[in-house]
C-alpha atoms as a PDB file:
ATOM      1  CA  UNK A   1    -121.995 -77.967 -15.919  1.00  0.00           C
ATOM      2  CA  UNK A   2    -123.116 -76.211 -19.066  1.00  0.00           C
ATOM      3  CA  UNK A   3    -122.806 -79.304 -21.188  1.00  0.00           C
ATOM      4  CA  UNK A   4    -124.844 -81.454 -18.801  1.00  0.00           C
ATOM      5  CA  UNK A   5    -127.504 -78.783 -18.545  1.00  0.00           C
ATOM      6  CA  UNK A   6    -127.784 -78.537 -22.328  1.00  0.00           C
ATOM      7  CA  UNK A   7    -127.764 -82.307 -22.888  1.00  0.00           C
ATOM      8  CA  UNK A   8    -130.598 -82.681 -20.415  1.00  0.00           C
ATOM      9  CA  UNK A   9    -132.829 -80.354 -22.415  1.00  0.00           C
ATOM     10  CA  UNK A  10    -134.111 -82.497 -25.260  1.00  0.00           C
ATOM     11  CA  UNK A  11    -137.472 -82.619 -26.960  1.00  0.00           C
ATOM     12  CA  UNK A  12    -139.875 -85.513 -26.473  1.00  0.00           C
ATOM     13  CA  UNK A  13    -139.023 -88.622 -28.450  1.00  0.00           C
ATOM     14  CA  UNK A  14    -135.303 -87.968 -28.419  1.00  0.00           C
ATOM     15  CA  UNK A  15    -135.416 -85.052 -30.859  1.00  0.00           C
ATOM     16  CA  UNK A  16    -132.711 -82.454 -30.232  1.00  0.00           C
ATOM     17  CA  UNK A  17    -133.792 -79.436 -28.264  1.00  0.00           C
ATOM     18  CA  UNK A  18    -133.831 -75.952 -29.648  1.00  0.00           C
ATOM     19  CA  UNK A  19    -130.571 -74.114 -28.821  1.00  0.00           C
ATOM     20  CA  UNK A  20    -130.789 -72.072 -25.663  1.00  0.00           C
ATOM     21  CA  UNK A  21    -130.516 -68.312 -25.930  1.00  0.00           C
ATOM     22  CA  UNK A  22    -127.939 -66.399 -23.913  1.00  0.00           C
ATOM     23  CA  UNK A  23    -130.726 -65.256 -21.555  1.00  0.00           C
ATOM     24  CA  UNK A  24    -131.910 -68.842 -20.991  1.00  0.00           C
ATOM     25  CA  UNK A  25    -128.370 -70.049 -20.380  1.00  0.00           C
ATOM     26  CA  UNK A  26    -127.689 -67.425 -17.769  1.00  0.00           C
ATOM     27  CA  UNK A  27    -130.986 -68.224 -16.061  1.00  0.00           C
ATOM     28  CA  UNK A  28    -130.207 -71.973 -16.115  1.00  0.00           C
ATOM     29  CA  UNK A  29    -126.729 -71.335 -14.719  1.00  0.00           C
ATOM     30  CA  UNK A  30    -128.157 -69.165 -11.979  1.00  0.00           C
ATOM     31  CA  UNK A  31    -130.414 -72.024 -10.953  1.00  0.00           C
ATOM     32  CA  UNK A  32    -127.601 -74.573 -11.166  1.00  0.00           C
ATOM     33  CA  UNK A  33    -125.354 -72.445  -8.953  1.00  0.00           C
ATOM     34  CA  UNK A  34    -127.878 -71.474  -6.295  1.00  0.00           C
ATOM     35  CA  UNK A  35    -125.484 -71.788  -3.453  1.00  0.00           C
ATOM     36  CA  UNK A  36    -126.086 -74.660  -1.039  1.00  0.00           C
ATOM     37  CA  UNK A  37    -125.225 -74.159   2.576  1.00  0.00           C
ATOM     38  CA  UNK A  38    -121.750 -75.622   2.232  1.00  0.00           C
ATOM     39  CA  UNK A  39    -120.718 -73.549  -0.791  1.00  0.00           C
ATOM     40  CA  UNK A  40    -118.064 -70.881  -0.615  1.00  0.00           C
ATOM     41  CA  UNK A  41    -118.630 -67.197  -0.106  1.00  0.00           C
ATOM     42  CA  UNK A  42    -117.644 -66.592  -3.715  1.00  0.00           C
ATOM     43  CA  UNK A  43    -120.168 -69.146  -4.954  1.00  0.00           C
ATOM     44  CA  UNK A  44    -122.938 -67.450  -3.007  1.00  0.00           C
ATOM     45  CA  UNK A  45    -121.999 -64.030  -4.263  1.00  0.00           C
ATOM     46  CA  UNK A  46    -121.676 -65.271  -7.846  1.00  0.00           C
ATOM     47  CA  UNK A  47    -125.150 -66.788  -7.725  1.00  0.00           C
ATOM     48  CA  UNK A  48    -126.507 -63.411  -6.531  1.00  0.00           C
ATOM     49  CA  UNK A  49    -124.625 -61.581  -9.261  1.00  0.00           C
ATOM     50  CA  UNK A  50    -125.972 -63.864 -11.980  1.00  0.00           C
ATOM     51  CA  UNK A  51    -129.499 -63.193 -10.747  1.00  0.00           C
ATOM     52  CA  UNK A  52    -128.970 -59.418 -10.390  1.00  0.00           C
ATOM     53  CA  UNK A  53    -130.926 -57.114 -12.689  1.00  0.00           C
ATOM     54  CA  UNK A  54    -131.024 -53.724 -10.917  1.00  0.00           C
ATOM     55  CA  UNK A  55    -127.770 -52.094  -9.805  1.00  0.00           C
ATOM     56  CA  UNK A  56    -128.021 -48.684  -8.160  1.00  0.00           C
ATOM     57  CA  UNK A  57    -125.167 -46.187  -7.701  1.00  0.00           C
ATOM     58  CA  UNK A  58    -125.443 -43.462  -5.131  1.00  0.00           C
ATOM     59  CA  UNK A  59    -123.318 -40.851  -3.455  1.00  0.00           C
ATOM     60  CA  UNK A  60    -123.219 -40.485   0.330  1.00  0.00           C
ATOM     61  CA  UNK A  61    -126.239 -38.116   0.186  1.00  0.00           C
ATOM     62  CA  UNK A  62    -124.593 -35.628   2.526  1.00  0.00           C
ATOM     63  CA  UNK A  63    -126.798 -32.838   1.161  1.00  0.00           C
ATOM     64  CA  UNK A  64    -129.924 -34.681   2.215  1.00  0.00           C
ATOM     65  CA  UNK A  65    -128.636 -36.522   5.268  1.00  0.00           C
ATOM     66  CA  UNK A  66    -130.783 -39.557   4.487  1.00  0.00           C
ATOM     67  CA  UNK A  67    -128.342 -42.243   3.342  1.00  0.00           C
ATOM     68  CA  UNK A  68    -129.677 -45.000   5.610  1.00  0.00           C
ATOM     69  CA  UNK A  69    -133.272 -44.249   4.673  1.00  0.00           C
ATOM     70  CA  UNK A  70    -132.366 -44.190   0.991  1.00  0.00           C
ATOM     71  CA  UNK A  71    -130.511 -47.506   1.153  1.00  0.00           C
ATOM     72  CA  UNK A  72    -133.487 -49.207   2.752  1.00  0.00           C
ATOM     73  CA  UNK A  73    -135.750 -47.763   0.067  1.00  0.00           C
ATOM     74  CA  UNK A  74    -133.481 -48.865  -2.799  1.00  0.00           C
ATOM     75  CA  UNK A  75    -133.120 -52.437  -1.565  1.00  0.00           C
ATOM     76  CA  UNK A  76    -136.766 -52.746  -0.570  1.00  0.00           C
ATOM     77  CA  UNK A  77    -137.767 -51.527  -4.018  1.00  0.00           C
ATOM     78  CA  UNK A  78    -135.781 -54.315  -5.698  1.00  0.00           C
ATOM     79  CA  UNK A  79    -132.146 -53.225  -6.081  1.00  0.00           C
ATOM     80  CA  UNK A  80    -129.867 -56.279  -6.132  1.00  0.00           C
ATOM     81  CA  UNK A  81    -126.630 -54.287  -5.784  1.00  0.00           C
ATOM     82  CA  UNK A  82    -125.967 -50.811  -4.454  1.00  0.00           C
ATOM     83  CA  UNK A  83    -122.638 -49.096  -5.026  1.00  0.00           C
ATOM     84  CA  UNK A  84    -121.396 -46.090  -3.108  1.00  0.00           C
ATOM     85  CA  UNK A  85    -119.579 -43.752  -5.492  1.00  0.00           C
ATOM     86  CA  UNK A  86    -118.667 -40.386  -4.045  1.00  0.00           C
ATOM     87  CA  UNK A  87    -115.422 -38.671  -5.001  1.00  0.00           C
ATOM     88  CA  UNK A  88    -116.181 -35.715  -2.754  1.00  0.00           C
ATOM     89  CA  UNK A  89    -115.800 -37.418   0.641  1.00  0.00           C
ATOM     90  CA  UNK A  90    -112.699 -38.291   2.662  1.00  0.00           C
ATOM     91  CA  UNK A  91    -111.694 -41.855   3.414  1.00  0.00           C
ATOM     92  CA  UNK A  92    -113.069 -41.891   6.949  1.00  0.00           C
ATOM     93  CA  UNK A  93    -116.486 -40.741   5.708  1.00  0.00           C
ATOM     94  CA  UNK A  94    -116.429 -43.288   2.921  1.00  0.00           C
ATOM     95  CA  UNK A  95    -115.604 -46.095   5.313  1.00  0.00           C
ATOM     96  CA  UNK A  96    -118.419 -45.091   7.646  1.00  0.00           C
ATOM     97  CA  UNK A  97    -120.917 -44.855   4.778  1.00  0.00           C
ATOM     98  CA  UNK A  98    -119.822 -48.198   3.381  1.00  0.00           C
ATOM     99  CA  UNK A  99    -120.141 -49.933   6.726  1.00  0.00           C
ATOM    100  CA  UNK A 100    -123.691 -48.629   6.880  1.00  0.00           C
ATOM    101  CA  UNK A 101    -124.290 -49.804   3.318  1.00  0.00           C
ATOM    102  CA  UNK A 102    -122.904 -53.245   4.177  1.00  0.00           C
ATOM    103  CA  UNK A 103    -125.241 -53.579   7.165  1.00  0.00           C
ATOM    104  CA  UNK A 104    -128.314 -52.579   5.196  1.00  0.00           C
ATOM    105  CA  UNK A 105    -127.373 -54.885   2.293  1.00  0.00           C
ATOM    106  CA  UNK A 106    -127.050 -57.775   4.711  1.00  0.00           C
ATOM    107  CA  UNK A 107    -130.541 -57.097   6.051  1.00  0.00           C
ATOM    108  CA  UNK A 108    -131.922 -57.633   2.534  1.00  0.00           C
ATOM    109  CA  UNK A 109    -129.628 -60.477   1.555  1.00  0.00           C
ATOM    110  CA  UNK A 110    -128.264 -58.282  -1.251  1.00  0.00           C
ATOM    111  CA  UNK A 111    -124.838 -57.199  -2.477  1.00  0.00           C
ATOM    112  CA  UNK A 112    -122.953 -53.975  -1.856  1.00  0.00           C
ATOM    113  CA  UNK A 113    -120.175 -52.509  -3.940  1.00  0.00           C
ATOM    114  CA  UNK A 114    -117.156 -50.277  -3.448  1.00  0.00           C
ATOM    115  CA  UNK A 115    -115.840 -48.076  -6.248  1.00  0.00           C
ATOM    116  CA  UNK A 116    -112.193 -47.527  -7.052  1.00  0.00           C
ATOM    117  CA  UNK A 117    -110.599 -47.903  -3.551  1.00  0.00           C
ATOM    118  CA  UNK A 118    -109.376 -51.489  -3.054  1.00  0.00           C
ATOM    119  CA  UNK A 119    -107.933 -50.631   0.350  1.00  0.00           C
ATOM    120  CA  UNK A 120    -111.316 -49.446   1.570  1.00  0.00           C
ATOM    121  CA  UNK A 121    -113.046 -52.424  -0.061  1.00  0.00           C
ATOM    122  CA  UNK A 122    -110.815 -54.741   1.960  1.00  0.00           C
ATOM    123  CA  UNK A 123    -111.445 -52.867   5.199  1.00  0.00           C
ATOM    124  CA  UNK A 124    -115.242 -52.931   4.902  1.00  0.00           C
ATOM    125  CA  UNK A 125    -115.536 -56.504   3.581  1.00  0.00           C
ATOM    126  CA  UNK A 126    -117.101 -55.514   0.262  1.00  0.00           C
ATOM    127  CA  UNK A 127    -119.062 -58.060  -1.761  1.00  0.00           C
ATOM    128  CA  UNK A 128    -118.246 -56.270  -5.001  1.00  0.00           C
ATOM    129  CA  UNK A 129    -115.438 -53.967  -6.206  1.00  0.00           C
ATOM    130  CA  UNK A 130    -115.696 -51.892  -9.327  1.00  0.00           C
ATOM    131  CA  UNK A 131    -112.900 -50.357 -11.412  1.00  0.00           C
ATOM    132  CA  UNK A 132    -112.763 -48.118 -14.464  1.00  0.00           C
ATOM    133  CA  UNK A 133    -110.410 -48.334 -17.369  1.00  0.00           C
ATOM    134  CA  UNK A 134    -107.831 -46.072 -15.692  1.00  0.00           C
ATOM    135  CA  UNK A 135    -108.035 -47.468 -12.172  1.00  0.00           C
ATOM    136  CA  UNK A 136    -106.373 -50.606 -10.818  1.00  0.00           C
ATOM    137  CA  UNK A 137    -106.473 -53.447 -13.289  1.00  0.00           C
ATOM    138  CA  UNK A 138    -108.741 -56.343 -12.368  1.00  0.00           C
ATOM    139  CA  UNK A 139    -105.630 -58.489 -11.796  1.00  0.00           C
ATOM    140  CA  UNK A 140    -104.195 -55.934  -9.398  1.00  0.00           C
ATOM    141  CA  UNK A 141    -107.521 -55.682  -7.580  1.00  0.00           C
ATOM    142  CA  UNK A 142    -107.726 -59.469  -7.342  1.00  0.00           C
ATOM    143  CA  UNK A 143    -104.256 -59.613  -5.857  1.00  0.00           C
ATOM    144  CA  UNK A 144    -105.240 -57.149  -3.169  1.00  0.00           C
ATOM    145  CA  UNK A 145    -108.739 -58.457  -2.443  1.00  0.00           C
ATOM    146  CA  UNK A 146    -108.485 -62.217  -2.917  1.00  0.00           C
ATOM    147  CA  UNK A 147    -110.841 -64.643  -4.631  1.00  0.00           C
ATOM    148  CA  UNK A 148    -114.100 -63.933  -2.785  1.00  0.00           C
ATOM    149  CA  UNK A 149    -114.702 -60.321  -3.825  1.00  0.00           C
ATOM    150  CA  UNK A 150    -116.507 -59.964  -7.157  1.00  0.00           C
ATOM    151  CA  UNK A 151    -114.766 -57.540  -9.527  1.00  0.00           C
ATOM    152  CA  UNK A 152    -116.478 -55.431 -12.148  1.00  0.00           C
ATOM    153  CA  UNK A 153    -115.128 -53.165 -14.873  1.00  0.00           C
ATOM    154  CA  UNK A 154    -116.469 -50.297 -16.902  1.00  0.00           C
ATOM    155  CA  UNK A 155    -116.261 -50.606 -20.690  1.00  0.00           C
ATOM    156  CA  UNK A 156    -116.916 -47.951 -23.315  1.00  0.00           C
ATOM    157  CA  UNK A 157    -116.237 -49.736 -26.609  1.00  0.00           C
ATOM    158  CA  UNK A 158    -116.419 -53.238 -28.038  1.00  0.00           C
ATOM    159  CA  UNK A 159    -112.701 -53.877 -27.615  1.00  0.00           C
ATOM    160  CA  UNK A 160    -112.908 -53.148 -23.905  1.00  0.00           C
ATOM    161  CA  UNK A 161    -116.061 -55.276 -23.583  1.00  0.00           C
ATOM    162  CA  UNK A 162    -114.342 -58.173 -25.335  1.00  0.00           C
ATOM    163  CA  UNK A 163    -111.322 -57.826 -23.047  1.00  0.00           C
ATOM    164  CA  UNK A 164    -113.590 -57.863 -20.001  1.00  0.00           C
ATOM    165  CA  UNK A 165    -115.321 -60.985 -21.243  1.00  0.00           C
ATOM    166  CA  UNK A 166    -112.022 -62.825 -21.554  1.00  0.00           C
ATOM    167  CA  UNK A 167    -110.385 -61.515 -18.372  1.00  0.00           C
ATOM    168  CA  UNK A 168    -110.408 -64.255 -15.696  1.00  0.00           C
ATOM    169  CA  UNK A 169    -110.434 -61.603 -12.965  1.00  0.00           C
ATOM    170  CA  UNK A 170    -113.570 -59.815 -14.236  1.00  0.00           C
ATOM    171  CA  UNK A 171    -116.824 -61.128 -12.783  1.00  0.00           C
ATOM    172  CA  UNK A 172    -119.086 -58.618 -14.539  1.00  0.00           C
ATOM    173  CA  UNK A 173    -118.795 -55.492 -16.630  1.00  0.00           C
ATOM    174  CA  UNK A 174    -120.805 -52.381 -17.452  1.00  0.00           C
ATOM    175  CA  UNK A 175    -121.355 -50.925 -20.941  1.00  0.00           C
ATOM    176  CA  UNK A 176    -121.952 -47.271 -21.592  1.00  0.00           C
ATOM    177  CA  UNK A 177    -122.838 -44.564 -21.054  1.00  0.00           C
ATOM    178  CA  UNK A 178    -125.697 -45.464 -23.376  1.00  0.00           C
ATOM    179  CA  UNK A 179    -126.907 -41.854 -23.137  1.00  0.00           C
ATOM    180  CA  UNK A 180    -124.820 -38.842 -22.090  1.00  0.00           C
ATOM    181  CA  UNK A 181    -125.106 -38.276 -18.356  1.00  0.00           C
ATOM    182  CA  UNK A 182    -123.972 -35.566 -15.926  1.00  0.00           C
ATOM    183  CA  UNK A 183    -122.606 -38.284 -13.644  1.00  0.00           C
ATOM    184  CA  UNK A 184    -119.880 -38.856 -16.294  1.00  0.00           C
ATOM    185  CA  UNK A 185    -119.274 -35.356 -17.693  1.00  0.00           C
ATOM    186  CA  UNK A 186    -117.378 -35.204 -20.963  1.00  0.00           C
ATOM    187  CA  UNK A 187    -117.793 -38.906 -21.781  1.00  0.00           C
ATOM    188  CA  UNK A 188    -119.611 -39.350 -25.099  1.00  0.00           C
ATOM    189  CA  UNK A 189    -122.643 -41.592 -25.276  1.00  0.00           C
ATOM    190  CA  UNK A 190    -122.081 -45.051 -26.754  1.00  0.00           C
ATOM    191  CA  UNK A 191    -125.675 -45.439 -27.874  1.00  0.00           C
ATOM    192  CA  UNK A 192    -127.926 -48.479 -28.164  1.00  0.00           C
ATOM    193  CA  UNK A 193    -125.796 -49.936 -30.953  1.00  0.00           C
ATOM    194  CA  UNK A 194    -123.102 -50.635 -28.384  1.00  0.00           C
ATOM    195  CA  UNK A 195    -125.618 -52.528 -26.220  1.00  0.00           C
ATOM    196  CA  UNK A 196    -126.649 -54.578 -29.266  1.00  0.00           C
ATOM    197  CA  UNK A 197    -123.037 -55.306 -30.091  1.00  0.00           C
ATOM    198  CA  UNK A 198    -122.235 -56.478 -26.579  1.00  0.00           C
ATOM    199  CA  UNK A 199    -125.355 -58.678 -26.548  1.00  0.00           C
ATOM    200  CA  UNK A 200    -124.197 -60.237 -29.805  1.00  0.00           C
ATOM    201  CA  UNK A 201    -120.672 -60.691 -28.455  1.00  0.00           C
ATOM    202  CA  UNK A 202    -121.868 -62.513 -25.345  1.00  0.00           C
ATOM    203  CA  UNK A 203    -124.189 -64.710 -27.421  1.00  0.00           C
ATOM    204  CA  UNK A 204    -121.373 -65.615 -29.802  1.00  0.00           C
ATOM    205  CA  UNK A 205    -119.043 -66.458 -26.928  1.00  0.00           C
ATOM    206  CA  UNK A 206    -121.502 -68.937 -25.454  1.00  0.00           C
ATOM    207  CA  UNK A 207    -122.380 -70.379 -28.873  1.00  0.00           C
ATOM    208  CA  UNK A 208    -118.677 -71.025 -29.475  1.00  0.00           C
ATOM    209  CA  UNK A 209    -118.188 -72.782 -26.151  1.00  0.00           C
ATOM    210  CA  UNK A 210    -121.386 -73.832 -24.348  1.00  0.00           C
ATOM    211  CA  UNK A 211    -119.351 -74.905 -21.285  1.00  0.00           C
ATOM    212  CA  UNK A 212    -117.895 -71.439 -20.662  1.00  0.00           C
ATOM    213  CA  UNK A 213    -119.340 -69.589 -17.676  1.00  0.00           C
ATOM    214  CA  UNK A 214    -121.464 -66.506 -18.519  1.00  0.00           C
ATOM    215  CA  UNK A 215    -120.128 -63.105 -17.569  1.00  0.00           C
ATOM    216  CA  UNK A 216    -122.993 -60.829 -16.476  1.00  0.00           C
ATOM    217  CA  UNK A 217    -123.074 -57.292 -17.867  1.00  0.00           C
ATOM    218  CA  UNK A 218    -125.112 -54.209 -17.184  1.00  0.00           C
ATOM    219  CA  UNK A 219    -126.012 -51.261 -19.430  1.00  0.00           C
ATOM    220  CA  UNK A 220    -125.403 -47.892 -17.787  1.00  0.00           C
ATOM    221  CA  UNK A 221    -125.844 -44.230 -18.536  1.00  0.00           C
ATOM    222  CA  UNK A 222    -128.969 -42.103 -18.623  1.00  0.00           C
ATOM    223  CA  UNK A 223    -131.307 -45.062 -18.154  1.00  0.00           C
ATOM    224  CA  UNK A 224    -134.692 -44.414 -16.600  1.00  0.00           C
ATOM    225  CA  UNK A 225    -138.160 -45.957 -16.694  1.00  0.00           C
ATOM    226  CA  UNK A 226    -138.958 -44.446 -20.093  1.00  0.00           C
ATOM    227  CA  UNK A 227    -135.710 -45.535 -21.754  1.00  0.00           C
ATOM    228  CA  UNK A 228    -135.429 -48.951 -20.111  1.00  0.00           C
ATOM    229  CA  UNK A 229    -137.593 -50.778 -22.705  1.00  0.00           C
ATOM    230  CA  UNK A 230    -135.212 -49.668 -25.462  1.00  0.00           C
ATOM    231  CA  UNK A 231    -132.226 -50.995 -23.527  1.00  0.00           C
ATOM    232  CA  UNK A 232    -133.925 -54.335 -22.972  1.00  0.00           C
ATOM    233  CA  UNK A 233    -134.932 -54.555 -26.619  1.00  0.00           C
ATOM    234  CA  UNK A 234    -131.249 -54.021 -27.514  1.00  0.00           C
ATOM    235  CA  UNK A 235    -130.329 -57.132 -25.530  1.00  0.00           C
ATOM    236  CA  UNK A 236    -129.424 -56.059 -22.004  1.00  0.00           C
ATOM    237  CA  UNK A 237    -130.780 -58.028 -19.058  1.00  0.00           C
ATOM    238  CA  UNK A 238    -129.517 -55.796 -16.258  1.00  0.00           C
ATOM    239  CA  UNK A 239    -128.979 -52.047 -15.818  1.00  0.00           C
ATOM    240  CA  UNK A 240    -127.135 -49.639 -13.611  1.00  0.00           C
ATOM    241  CA  UNK A 241    -129.083 -46.532 -12.657  1.00  0.00           C
ATOM    242  CA  UNK A 242    -128.221 -43.411 -10.730  1.00  0.00           C
ATOM    243  CA  UNK A 243    -130.569 -40.442 -11.031  1.00  0.00           C
ATOM    244  CA  UNK A 244    -133.606 -42.564 -11.874  1.00  0.00           C
ATOM    245  CA  UNK A 245    -133.567 -43.701  -8.234  1.00  0.00           C
ATOM    246  CA  UNK A 246    -131.364 -41.246  -6.338  1.00  0.00           C
ATOM    247  CA  UNK A 247    -133.314 -38.190  -7.525  1.00  0.00           C
ATOM    248  CA  UNK A 248    -136.767 -39.780  -7.374  1.00  0.00           C
ATOM    249  CA  UNK A 249    -139.272 -38.342  -4.901  1.00  0.00           C
ATOM    250  CA  UNK A 250    -139.919 -41.910  -3.768  1.00  0.00           C
ATOM    251  CA  UNK A 251    -136.757 -44.005  -4.304  1.00  0.00           C
ATOM    252  CA  UNK A 252    -138.508 -47.238  -3.249  1.00  0.00           C
ATOM    253  CA  UNK A 253    -141.278 -46.724  -5.773  1.00  0.00           C
ATOM    254  CA  UNK A 254    -138.823 -45.779  -8.477  1.00  0.00           C
ATOM    255  CA  UNK A 255    -136.677 -48.867  -7.869  1.00  0.00           C
ATOM    256  CA  UNK A 256    -139.773 -51.033  -7.800  1.00  0.00           C
ATOM    257  CA  UNK A 257    -141.045 -49.689 -11.106  1.00  0.00           C
ATOM    258  CA  UNK A 258    -137.698 -50.300 -12.763  1.00  0.00           C
ATOM    259  CA  UNK A 259    -137.401 -53.783 -11.313  1.00  0.00           C
ATOM    260  CA  UNK A 260    -140.889 -54.674 -12.530  1.00  0.00           C
ATOM    261  CA  UNK A 261    -139.795 -53.964 -16.126  1.00  0.00           C
ATOM    262  CA  UNK A 262    -136.617 -56.075 -15.882  1.00  0.00           C
ATOM    263  CA  UNK A 263    -136.523 -59.835 -16.569  1.00  0.00           C
ATOM    264  CA  UNK A 264    -137.000 -62.236 -13.648  1.00  0.00           C
END
């Protein structure tokens, strides 16, 4: 698919086209894989993932008691994926919160993600499952969840990012924390240089093999509206945010402002 897409892009008069950037290739692939009615569930989810720019993580908001209202606000503001990540709740509470998240996500035609618990992800029919470096391996998660669930992985250095890029069971990965954040206490910041390095790594991978499928990635960690332009300038196309939306007085407005700064 990549080769045919690239061959079709030639300048007038038969002159060779300028090489596509990584961003252009991902955009082209997103358009090429826009899932027709007969495509598989995985194809449809993959197309949504490739188009995703704003990924929001939230806890169950037990202190505020407004989870459903918040989820509507986040998706309405432009979130493409929302992940529930709350280590403080029991399994039954997590399942109930995730079933609510799944229903709201479906209303907006968006994706919802489960963190860490593959058993719960299977029970609630998650679109996306995310693991850290010390959780289940992507291969183990794939064995438990099957081919249709998209699997993401956290990465904190270039070796981990490279491994995620080459892992056939990883559908996307996150890089960070770019800035130190209280949501990951004790984990040192990776800085913008890591974002630049990952952007270069993904570009080089596609340059080496234009037919390889792109693996989306998201910068994470301390990102807000003020810092987002720096992250984009470093080469990211998508971001994961927590406090920038979860602690905003108006989560819908906050999500909308972030989404307006991200690429189409």
